Amino acid sequence: MNRVHDMGGRIGDGPVPEVDAQDMFHRDWEKRAMAMTLATGALGKWNIDASRHARELLGPEDYRKFSYY
């Protein structure tokens, strides 16, 4: 696959930079988004497959403008 959603594995995009764990969140809402993801996963309401499917439904233009969270 060589779609926009597979940016980490695409040829020619260069290495993925390492991020220090302390710099993982850039805004407070990102911490809350991660907490909600973990909580819904623990309740069995969300999983990694649903998360990936939701991201892959985004068009390339939208995918590129959103942050990780």
Protein backbone atom coordinates (compact mmCIF):
# COMPACT_ATOMS: atom_id res chain seq x y z
CA MET A 1 0.00 0.00 0.00
CA ASN A 2 1.17 3.49 -0.70
CA ARG A 3 -1.67 5.70 0.45
CA VAL A 4 -1.51 8.86 2.52
CA HIS A 5 -2.50 6.91 5.64
CA ASP A 6 0.67 4.82 5.40
CA MET A 7 3.04 7.79 5.56
CA GLY A 8 5.44 6.05 7.95
CA GLY A 9 6.11 3.30 5.45
CA ARG A 10 6.17 5.26 2.22
CA ILE A 11 9.36 5.35 0.18
CA GLY A 12 10.96 8.77 -0.11
CA ASP A 13 9.36 10.43 2.92
CA GLY A 14 12.48 10.05 5.05
CA PRO A 15 12.75 8.80 8.62
CA VAL A 16 10.07 9.36 11.22
CA PRO A 17 11.58 11.62 13.89
CA GLU A 18 11.77 10.31 17.43
CA VAL A 19 9.82 12.32 19.99
CA ASP A 20 10.76 12.56 23.65
CA ALA A 21 7.94 11.25 25.85
CA GLN A 22 7.74 14.63 27.59
CA ASP A 23 7.06 16.33 24.25
CA MET A 24 4.36 13.86 23.18
CA PHE A 25 1.46 16.27 23.73
CA HIS A 26 1.53 19.73 22.18
CA ARG A 27 -1.83 20.94 23.55
CA ASP A 28 -3.92 20.07 26.61
CA TRP A 29 -6.79 18.71 24.50
CA GLU A 30 -4.45 16.04 23.08
CA LYS A 31 -3.97 14.60 26.58
CA ARG A 32 -7.74 14.42 27.00
CA ALA A 33 -8.17 12.78 23.59
CA MET A 34 -5.64 10.09 24.52
CA ALA A 35 -7.34 9.52 27.89
CA MET A 36 -10.72 9.14 26.20
CA THR A 37 -9.26 6.66 23.70
CA LEU A 38 -7.77 4.56 26.49
CA ALA A 39 -10.96 4.71 28.57
CA THR A 40 -13.24 3.70 25.69
CA GLY A 41 -10.82 0.92 24.79
CA ALA A 42 -10.89 -0.39 28.37
CA LEU A 43 -14.69 -0.41 28.23
CA GLY A 44 -14.63 -2.36 24.95
CA LYS A 45 -16.22 0.53 23.02
CA TRP A 46 -13.19 1.33 20.82
CA ASN A 47 -10.16 -0.53 19.54
CA ILE A 48 -7.14 -0.03 17.31
CA ASP A 49 -8.96 -1.48 14.29
CA ALA A 50 -11.84 0.98 14.64
CA SER A 51 -9.32 3.79 15.09
CA ARG A 52 -7.42 2.90 11.91
CA HIS A 53 -10.64 2.45 9.95
CA ALA A 54 -11.82 5.92 11.01
CA ARG A 55 -8.51 7.47 9.89
CA GLU A 56 -8.58 5.66 6.56
CA LEU A 57 -12.02 7.07 5.81
CA LEU A 58 -10.51 10.57 5.71
CA GLY A 59 -9.59 12.03 2.35
CA PRO A 60 -5.89 12.86 1.78
CA GLU A 61 -6.46 16.62 2.15
CA ASP A 62 -8.13 16.23 5.54
CA TYR A 63 -5.72 13.56 6.76
CA ARG A 64 -2.69 15.77 6.21
CA LYS A 65 -4.09 18.78 8.06
CA PHE A 66 -5.05 16.94 11.27
CA SER A 67 -2.66 16.30 14.16
CA TYR A 68 -1.94 12.79 15.43
CA TYR A 69 -4.71 13.13 17.96
